[in-house]
């Protein structure tokens, strides 16, 4: 059985809440595929370090999902 391909629009974008988007809009838009793709390694690093989001850490499942999306080529 083949694993489902992770996509930004259906799997990654929903991880970012409206409050996350608002907090980061001064730097980039978390709801923009192009901007998240460009900064994906930085976003992953900050999430892993617990620096994002500002109101608490992501679960390990969410971090793993983002990492898997990056490693699989960051499909839109």
N, C-alpha and C. Protein backbone atom coordinates (compact mmCIF):
# COMPACT_ATOMS: atom_id res chain seq x y z
N UNK A 1 0.84 -1.18 0.00
CA UNK A 1 0.00 0.00 0.00
C UNK A 1 0.89 1.25 0.00
N UNK A 2 0.61 2.15 -0.91
CA UNK A 2 1.42 3.35 -1.05
C UNK A 2 0.92 4.46 -0.11
N UNK A 3 1.86 5.16 0.51
CA UNK A 3 1.51 6.24 1.42
C UNK A 3 0.94 7.42 0.63
N UNK A 4 0.02 8.13 1.25
CA UNK A 4 -0.60 9.32 0.65
C UNK A 4 0.45 10.41 0.52
N UNK A 5 0.47 11.09 -0.63
CA UNK A 5 1.38 12.21 -0.80
C UNK A 5 0.87 13.42 0.00
N UNK A 6 1.74 13.97 0.80
CA UNK A 6 1.37 15.14 1.58
C UNK A 6 1.36 16.37 0.68
N UNK A 7 0.36 17.22 0.88
CA UNK A 7 0.21 18.43 0.08
C UNK A 7 0.05 19.62 1.02
N UNK A 8 0.55 20.77 0.57
CA UNK A 8 0.46 21.97 1.40
C UNK A 8 -0.98 22.34 1.70
N UNK A 9 -1.80 22.42 0.65
CA UNK A 9 -3.18 22.92 0.81
C UNK A 9 -4.02 22.05 1.74
N UNK A 10 -3.85 20.76 1.67
CA UNK A 10 -4.72 19.86 2.44
C UNK A 10 -4.12 19.36 3.75
N UNK A 11 -2.79 19.32 3.83
CA UNK A 11 -2.15 18.72 5.01
C UNK A 11 -1.36 19.69 5.87
N UNK A 12 -0.74 20.70 5.26
CA UNK A 12 0.15 21.59 5.99
C UNK A 12 -0.52 22.91 6.36
N UNK A 13 -1.13 23.56 5.41
CA UNK A 13 -1.78 24.85 5.69
C UNK A 13 -2.76 24.78 6.87
N UNK A 14 -3.56 23.70 6.98
CA UNK A 14 -4.49 23.63 8.12
C UNK A 14 -3.80 23.55 9.49
N UNK A 15 -2.51 23.23 9.52
CA UNK A 15 -1.79 23.19 10.79
C UNK A 15 -1.58 24.59 11.36
N UNK A 16 -1.55 25.60 10.48
CA UNK A 16 -1.33 26.98 10.89
C UNK A 16 -2.67 27.66 11.17
N UNK A 17 -2.88 28.05 12.41
CA UNK A 17 -4.13 28.70 12.81
C UNK A 17 -4.12 30.16 12.38
N UNK A 18 -5.29 30.78 12.40
CA UNK A 18 -5.39 32.20 12.06
C UNK A 18 -4.51 33.03 12.99
N UNK A 19 -4.44 32.66 14.26
CA UNK A 19 -3.59 33.40 15.20
C UNK A 19 -2.11 33.25 14.88
N UNK A 20 -1.71 32.08 14.38
CA UNK A 20 -0.32 31.88 13.96
C UNK A 20 0.00 32.78 12.76
N UNK A 21 -0.93 32.81 11.83
CA UNK A 21 -0.75 33.64 10.64
C UNK A 21 -0.62 35.11 11.03
N UNK A 22 -1.50 35.57 11.90
CA UNK A 22 -1.46 36.97 12.33
C UNK A 22 -0.15 37.31 13.03
N UNK A 23 0.33 36.40 13.86
CA UNK A 23 1.56 36.65 14.61
C UNK A 23 2.78 36.74 13.70
N UNK A 24 2.74 36.07 12.55
CA UNK A 24 3.90 36.04 11.66
C UNK A 24 3.78 36.92 10.43
N UNK A 25 2.62 37.55 10.21
CA UNK A 25 2.40 38.32 8.99
C UNK A 25 3.42 39.44 8.79
N UNK A 26 4.01 39.95 9.83
CA UNK A 26 5.01 41.01 9.69
C UNK A 26 6.24 40.50 8.95
N UNK A 27 6.46 39.16 8.97
CA UNK A 27 7.64 38.55 8.35
C UNK A 27 7.29 37.80 7.07
N UNK A 28 6.25 36.96 7.13
CA UNK A 28 5.77 36.20 5.97
C UNK A 28 4.40 35.62 6.28
N UNK A 29 3.75 35.13 5.23
CA UNK A 29 2.38 34.63 5.35
C UNK A 29 2.38 33.10 5.44
N UNK A 30 1.99 32.59 6.59
CA UNK A 30 1.94 31.13 6.78
C UNK A 30 0.86 30.46 5.93
N UNK A 31 -0.04 31.22 5.36
CA UNK A 31 -1.06 30.64 4.50
C UNK A 31 -0.70 30.75 3.03
N UNK A 32 0.54 31.13 2.73
CA UNK A 32 1.02 31.22 1.35
C UNK A 32 1.95 30.04 1.08
N UNK A 33 1.59 29.21 0.12
CA UNK A 33 2.42 28.06 -0.24
C UNK A 33 3.84 28.50 -0.57
N UNK A 34 3.97 29.51 -1.43
CA UNK A 34 5.30 29.96 -1.86
C UNK A 34 6.15 30.44 -0.69
N UNK A 35 5.56 31.18 0.21
CA UNK A 35 6.32 31.71 1.34
C UNK A 35 6.69 30.62 2.34
N UNK A 36 5.79 29.68 2.59
CA UNK A 36 6.10 28.58 3.50
C UNK A 36 7.14 27.66 2.88
N UNK A 37 7.01 27.37 1.60
CA UNK A 37 8.00 26.52 0.92
C UNK A 37 9.39 27.14 1.00
N UNK A 38 9.47 28.44 0.75
CA UNK A 38 10.75 29.15 0.78
C UNK A 38 11.40 29.09 2.16
N UNK A 39 10.58 29.12 3.21
CA UNK A 39 11.10 29.18 4.58
C UNK A 39 10.91 27.88 5.37
N UNK A 40 10.54 26.81 4.70
CA UNK A 40 10.21 25.56 5.38
C UNK A 40 11.29 25.08 6.34
N UNK A 41 12.57 25.06 5.95
CA UNK A 41 13.58 24.59 6.92
C UNK A 41 13.64 25.47 8.18
N UNK A 42 13.52 26.78 8.02
CA UNK A 42 13.52 27.69 9.16
C UNK A 42 12.30 27.45 10.04
N UNK A 43 11.13 27.31 9.43
CA UNK A 43 9.90 27.06 10.17
C UNK A 43 10.04 25.76 10.97
N UNK A 44 10.53 24.72 10.32
CA UNK A 44 10.71 23.43 10.99
C UNK A 44 11.68 23.56 12.16
N UNK A 45 12.77 24.25 11.95
CA UNK A 45 13.76 24.44 13.01
C UNK A 45 13.16 25.18 14.20
N UNK A 46 12.39 26.22 13.94
CA UNK A 46 11.77 27.00 15.03
C UNK A 46 10.68 26.20 15.75
N UNK A 47 9.92 25.41 15.00
CA UNK A 47 8.90 24.56 15.62
C UNK A 47 9.55 23.49 16.49
N UNK A 48 10.61 22.89 15.99
CA UNK A 48 11.31 21.84 16.73
C UNK A 48 11.91 22.39 18.01
N UNK A 49 12.40 23.62 17.95
CA UNK A 49 13.01 24.25 19.13
C UNK A 49 11.96 24.79 20.10
N UNK A 50 10.69 24.78 19.72
CA UNK A 50 9.63 25.28 20.57
C UNK A 50 9.49 26.79 20.53
N UNK A 51 10.10 27.43 19.54
CA UNK A 51 10.04 28.89 19.40
C UNK A 51 8.78 29.34 18.66
N UNK A 52 8.14 28.45 17.96
CA UNK A 52 6.88 28.70 17.26
C UNK A 52 5.94 27.57 17.64
N UNK A 53 4.66 27.80 17.68
CA UNK A 53 4.03 29.10 17.79
C UNK A 53 4.30 29.71 19.16
N UNK A 54 3.98 30.97 19.29
CA UNK A 54 4.35 31.69 20.51
C UNK A 54 3.53 31.26 21.73
N UNK A 55 2.42 30.56 21.54
CA UNK A 55 1.58 30.18 22.68
C UNK A 55 1.71 28.71 23.07
N UNK A 56 2.74 28.03 22.61
CA UNK A 56 2.95 26.64 22.99
C UNK A 56 3.48 25.80 21.85
N UNK A 57 4.12 24.71 22.22
CA UNK A 57 4.74 23.82 21.23
C UNK A 57 3.71 23.06 20.41
N UNK A 58 4.11 22.73 19.20
CA UNK A 58 3.34 21.80 18.38
C UNK A 58 3.54 20.40 18.94
N UNK A 59 2.58 19.54 18.68
CA UNK A 59 2.74 18.13 19.05
C UNK A 59 3.81 17.52 18.13
N UNK A 60 4.40 16.43 18.58
CA UNK A 60 5.41 15.76 17.76
C UNK A 60 4.80 15.26 16.45
N UNK A 61 3.50 14.92 16.46
CA UNK A 61 2.84 14.47 15.24
C UNK A 61 2.78 15.58 14.19
N UNK A 62 2.49 16.80 14.62
CA UNK A 62 2.44 17.92 13.68
C UNK A 62 3.83 18.23 13.12
N UNK A 63 4.82 18.21 13.98
CA UNK A 63 6.20 18.47 13.53
C UNK A 63 6.63 17.39 12.54
N UNK A 64 6.30 16.14 12.83
CA UNK A 64 6.64 15.04 11.94
C UNK A 64 5.94 15.20 10.59
N UNK A 65 4.70 15.64 10.60
CA UNK A 65 3.96 15.86 9.36
C UNK A 65 4.65 16.92 8.51
N UNK A 66 5.03 18.04 9.12
CA UNK A 66 5.73 19.09 8.38
C UNK A 66 7.06 18.58 7.86
N UNK A 67 7.81 17.86 8.69
CA UNK A 67 9.10 17.31 8.26
C UNK A 67 8.91 16.35 7.07
N UNK A 68 7.91 15.52 7.14
CA UNK A 68 7.64 14.57 6.06
C UNK A 68 7.28 15.28 4.77
N UNK A 69 6.50 16.34 4.88
CA UNK A 69 6.14 17.14 3.70
C UNK A 69 7.39 17.74 3.06
N UNK A 70 8.27 18.29 3.88
CA UNK A 70 9.52 18.88 3.37
C UNK A 70 10.36 17.81 2.69
N UNK A 71 10.53 16.68 3.35
CA UNK A 71 11.37 15.60 2.82
C UNK A 71 10.78 14.97 1.56
N UNK A 72 9.48 15.07 1.39
CA UNK A 72 8.84 14.45 0.20
C UNK A 72 8.77 15.42 -0.99
N UNK A 73 9.31 16.63 -0.85
CA UNK A 73 9.37 17.53 -2.00
C UNK A 73 8.45 18.73 -1.93
N UNK A 74 7.67 18.88 -0.87
CA UNK A 74 6.83 20.05 -0.63
C UNK A 74 5.79 20.30 -1.73
N UNK A 75 4.97 19.30 -2.01
CA UNK A 75 3.91 19.42 -3.02
C UNK A 75 2.88 20.46 -2.61
N UNK A 76 2.39 21.17 -3.61
CA UNK A 76 1.36 22.19 -3.34
C UNK A 76 0.03 21.51 -3.11
